[in-house]
Amino acid sequence: MKNFLSLLLAVVGMMQVTAFMGTPVVQNRVPVSQNRSGASSMEMRARVCDLLGKTPNRQARVVTFSHQRNKTVQHVNLQSKRFYSEELDRKVKLRLSTKGIKTVNKLGGIDAAAKKYDINLKKF
């Protein structure tokens, strides 16, 4: 029985064999992000513009008719957009604010905007 378990460990590799009530149980040790595909494997990112670095305004207030002031958050208008980078010779997908998109259009392309704002496009 012991030789069988050692052979099973050698074959399985990344899996771990544990004993539960005398019977071997195989548990998968692969991280969840590598195991799943699709939207469930996405990781949460902060609501920040990749180009300009605009963040949500967390000091905003709503003033009612009776002059009660309630806290609120003014979020950045983020859009997912793909731009063609001539330096990398491929498309890059960025989450930009609408002002960031206008800046890219004004400067003539994502390469010029990335150079001006010192952004490394290789990570996108």
C-alpha atoms as a PDB file:
ATOM      1  CA  MET A   1       0.000   0.000   0.000  1.00  0.00           C
ATOM      2  CA  LYS A   2       2.872   2.360   0.805  1.00  0.00           C
ATOM      3  CA  ASN A   3       4.537   1.727  -2.579  1.00  0.00           C
ATOM      4  CA  PHE A   4       1.231   2.461  -4.287  1.00  0.00           C
ATOM      5  CA  LEU A   5       0.938   5.836  -2.512  1.00  0.00           C
ATOM      6  CA  SER A   6       4.506   6.834  -3.373  1.00  0.00           C
ATOM      7  CA  LEU A   7       3.942   5.835  -7.011  1.00  0.00           C
ATOM      8  CA  LEU A   8       0.703   7.837  -7.055  1.00  0.00           C
ATOM      9  CA  LEU A   9       2.528  10.892  -5.655  1.00  0.00           C
ATOM     10  CA  ALA A  10       5.213  10.608  -8.329  1.00  0.00           C
ATOM     11  CA  VAL A  11       2.649  10.359 -11.146  1.00  0.00           C
ATOM     12  CA  VAL A  12       0.327  13.102  -9.978  1.00  0.00           C
ATOM     13  CA  GLY A  13       3.036  15.725  -9.344  1.00  0.00           C
ATOM     14  CA  MET A  14       1.181  18.877  -8.202  1.00  0.00           C
ATOM     15  CA  MET A  15      -1.548  16.967  -6.351  1.00  0.00           C
ATOM     16  CA  GLN A  16      -1.449  16.014  -2.699  1.00  0.00           C
ATOM     17  CA  VAL A  17      -2.654  12.707  -1.337  1.00  0.00           C
ATOM     18  CA  THR A  18      -4.115  12.804   2.145  1.00  0.00           C
ATOM     19  CA  ALA A  19      -5.659  10.041   4.190  1.00  0.00           C
ATOM     20  CA  PHE A  20      -9.228  10.428   5.356  1.00  0.00           C
ATOM     21  CA  MET A  21     -10.565   7.561   7.471  1.00  0.00           C
ATOM     22  CA  GLY A  22      -8.011   5.161   5.996  1.00  0.00           C
ATOM     23  CA  THR A  23      -8.898   5.857   2.329  1.00  0.00           C
ATOM     24  CA  PRO A  24      -6.646   8.028   0.145  1.00  0.00           C
ATOM     25  CA  VAL A  25      -8.222  11.265  -1.079  1.00  0.00           C
ATOM     26  CA  VAL A  26      -6.613  13.304  -3.862  1.00  0.00           C
ATOM     27  CA  GLN A  27      -6.838  17.092  -3.551  1.00  0.00           C
ATOM     28  CA  ASN A  28      -5.934  19.444  -6.394  1.00  0.00           C
ATOM     29  CA  ARG A  29      -3.259  21.981  -5.386  1.00  0.00           C
ATOM     30  CA  VAL A  30      -3.466  24.148  -8.542  1.00  0.00           C
ATOM     31  CA  PRO A  31      -4.346  27.818  -7.799  1.00  0.00           C
ATOM     32  CA  VAL A  32      -7.907  28.838  -8.605  1.00  0.00           C
ATOM     33  CA  SER A  33      -6.874  31.494 -11.157  1.00  0.00           C
ATOM     34  CA  GLN A  34      -5.121  28.862 -13.292  1.00  0.00           C
ATOM     35  CA  ASN A  35      -7.929  26.359 -12.940  1.00  0.00           C
ATOM     36  CA  ARG A  36     -10.874  28.464 -14.101  1.00  0.00           C
ATOM     37  CA  SER A  37     -11.565  30.250 -17.318  1.00  0.00           C
ATOM     38  CA  GLY A  38     -13.845  33.135 -18.239  1.00  0.00           C
ATOM     39  CA  ALA A  39     -15.220  35.946 -16.114  1.00  0.00           C
ATOM     40  CA  SER A  40     -14.937  34.041 -12.829  1.00  0.00           C
ATOM     41  CA  SER A  41     -11.133  34.122 -13.028  1.00  0.00           C
ATOM     42  CA  MET A  42     -10.894  37.899 -13.444  1.00  0.00           C
ATOM     43  CA  GLU A  43      -9.266  39.811 -10.654  1.00  0.00           C
ATOM     44  CA  MET A  44     -10.713  43.053  -9.356  1.00  0.00           C
ATOM     45  CA  ARG A  45      -8.898  46.220 -10.356  1.00  0.00           C
ATOM     46  CA  ALA A  46      -9.261  49.655  -8.842  1.00  0.00           C
ATOM     47  CA  ARG A  47     -11.359  52.199 -10.713  1.00  0.00           C
ATOM     48  CA  VAL A  48      -8.381  54.187 -11.936  1.00  0.00           C
ATOM     49  CA  CYS A  49      -7.592  55.497 -15.417  1.00  0.00           C
ATOM     50  CA  ASP A  50      -4.551  53.640 -16.786  1.00  0.00           C
ATOM     51  CA  LEU A  51      -3.234  56.729 -18.598  1.00  0.00           C
ATOM     52  CA  LEU A  52      -4.049  59.757 -16.462  1.00  0.00           C
ATOM     53  CA  GLY A  53      -4.390  58.071 -13.073  1.00  0.00           C
ATOM     54  CA  LYS A  54      -7.769  59.668 -12.301  1.00  0.00           C
ATOM     55  CA  THR A  55      -9.365  58.206  -9.164  1.00  0.00           C
ATOM     56  CA  PRO A  56     -12.901  58.451  -7.700  1.00  0.00           C
ATOM     57  CA  ASN A  57     -13.795  61.563  -5.700  1.00  0.00           C
ATOM     58  CA  ARG A  58     -14.648  60.236  -2.248  1.00  0.00           C
ATOM     59  CA  GLN A  59     -15.224  63.665  -0.661  1.00  0.00           C
ATOM     60  CA  ALA A  60     -18.382  64.511  -2.596  1.00  0.00           C
ATOM     61  CA  ARG A  61     -21.615  65.451  -0.819  1.00  0.00           C
ATOM     62  CA  VAL A  62     -25.259  65.481  -1.820  1.00  0.00           C
ATOM     63  CA  VAL A  63     -27.191  68.413  -0.328  1.00  0.00           C
ATOM     64  CA  THR A  64     -30.927  67.798   0.046  1.00  0.00           C
ATOM     65  CA  PHE A  65     -33.718  70.365   0.073  1.00  0.00           C
ATOM     66  CA  SER A  66     -33.650  70.362   3.876  1.00  0.00           C
ATOM     67  CA  HIS A  67     -29.892  70.998   3.667  1.00  0.00           C
ATOM     68  CA  GLN A  68     -28.893  67.578   4.977  1.00  0.00           C
ATOM     69  CA  ARG A  69     -25.495  66.610   3.589  1.00  0.00           C
ATOM     70  CA  ASN A  70     -24.912  62.962   2.668  1.00  0.00           C
ATOM     71  CA  LYS A  71     -21.614  61.474   1.579  1.00  0.00           C
ATOM     72  CA  THR A  72     -21.399  60.032  -1.940  1.00  0.00           C
ATOM     73  CA  VAL A  73     -18.721  58.855  -4.352  1.00  0.00           C
ATOM     74  CA  GLN A  74     -18.260  60.360  -7.806  1.00  0.00           C
ATOM     75  CA  HIS A  75     -16.787  57.559  -9.909  1.00  0.00           C
ATOM     76  CA  VAL A  76     -14.519  57.976 -12.918  1.00  0.00           C
ATOM     77  CA  ASN A  77     -16.186  57.372 -16.294  1.00  0.00           C
ATOM     78  CA  LEU A  78     -14.004  54.403 -17.304  1.00  0.00           C
ATOM     79  CA  GLN A  79     -14.205  52.771 -20.721  1.00  0.00           C
ATOM     80  CA  SER A  80     -12.375  49.653 -21.910  1.00  0.00           C
ATOM     81  CA  LYS A  81     -10.764  50.508 -25.234  1.00  0.00           C
ATOM     82  CA  ARG A  82      -8.299  48.771 -27.533  1.00  0.00           C
ATOM     83  CA  PHE A  83      -5.646  50.843 -29.274  1.00  0.00           C
ATOM     84  CA  TYR A  84      -3.120  49.729 -31.861  1.00  0.00           C
ATOM     85  CA  SER A  85       0.453  50.360 -30.726  1.00  0.00           C
ATOM     86  CA  GLU A  86       2.873  50.750 -33.617  1.00  0.00           C
ATOM     87  CA  GLU A  87       5.912  50.325 -31.349  1.00  0.00           C
ATOM     88  CA  LEU A  88       4.685  46.961 -30.023  1.00  0.00           C
ATOM     89  CA  ASP A  89       3.033  46.037 -33.352  1.00  0.00           C
ATOM     90  CA  ARG A  90      -0.096  44.766 -31.555  1.00  0.00           C
ATOM     91  CA  LYS A  91      -3.284  45.979 -29.922  1.00  0.00           C
ATOM     92  CA  VAL A  92      -3.310  46.957 -26.259  1.00  0.00           C
ATOM     93  CA  LYS A  93      -6.449  47.014 -24.122  1.00  0.00           C
ATOM     94  CA  LEU A  94      -6.637  49.849 -21.607  1.00  0.00           C
ATOM     95  CA  ARG A  95      -9.219  51.136 -19.144  1.00  0.00           C
ATOM     96  CA  LEU A  96      -9.267  54.852 -19.806  1.00  0.00           C
ATOM     97  CA  SER A  97     -11.418  57.698 -18.611  1.00  0.00           C
ATOM     98  CA  THR A  98     -13.247  59.637 -21.304  1.00  0.00           C
ATOM     99  CA  LYS A  99     -10.775  62.465 -20.821  1.00  0.00           C
ATOM    100  CA  GLY A 100      -7.948  59.957 -21.340  1.00  0.00           C
ATOM    101  CA  ILE A 101      -9.511  58.837 -24.639  1.00  0.00           C
ATOM    102  CA  LYS A 102      -9.706  62.465 -25.773  1.00  0.00           C
ATOM    103  CA  THR A 103      -6.054  62.935 -24.798  1.00  0.00           C
ATOM    104  CA  VAL A 104      -4.996  59.911 -26.872  1.00  0.00           C
ATOM    105  CA  ASN A 105      -6.905  61.262 -29.879  1.00  0.00           C
ATOM    106  CA  LYS A 106      -5.394  64.726 -29.448  1.00  0.00           C
ATOM    107  CA  LEU A 107      -1.819  63.443 -29.213  1.00  0.00           C
ATOM    108  CA  GLY A 108      -2.276  61.272 -32.288  1.00  0.00           C
ATOM    109  CA  GLY A 109      -2.030  57.764 -30.871  1.00  0.00           C
ATOM    110  CA  ILE A 110      -1.451  55.629 -27.820  1.00  0.00           C
ATOM    111  CA  ASP A 111       2.324  55.552 -28.321  1.00  0.00           C
ATOM    112  CA  ALA A 112       2.658  59.337 -28.065  1.00  0.00           C
ATOM    113  CA  ALA A 113       0.334  59.476 -25.056  1.00  0.00           C
ATOM    114  CA  ALA A 114       2.222  56.684 -23.290  1.00  0.00           C
ATOM    115  CA  LYS A 115       5.513  58.457 -23.927  1.00  0.00           C
ATOM    116  CA  LYS A 116       4.168  61.751 -22.556  1.00  0.00           C
ATOM    117  CA  TYR A 117       2.678  60.215 -19.396  1.00  0.00           C
ATOM    118  CA  ASP A 118       5.524  57.682 -18.941  1.00  0.00           C
ATOM    119  CA  ILE A 119       3.365  54.541 -19.235  1.00  0.00           C
ATOM    120  CA  ASN A 120       4.812  51.123 -20.100  1.00  0.00           C
ATOM    121  CA  LEU A 121       2.448  49.587 -22.676  1.00  0.00           C
ATOM    122  CA  LYS A 122       4.092  46.143 -22.473  1.00  0.00           C
ATOM    123  CA  LYS A 123       2.063  45.285 -19.366  1.00  0.00           C
ATOM    124  CA  PHE A 124      -1.265  45.795 -21.177  1.00  0.00           C
END
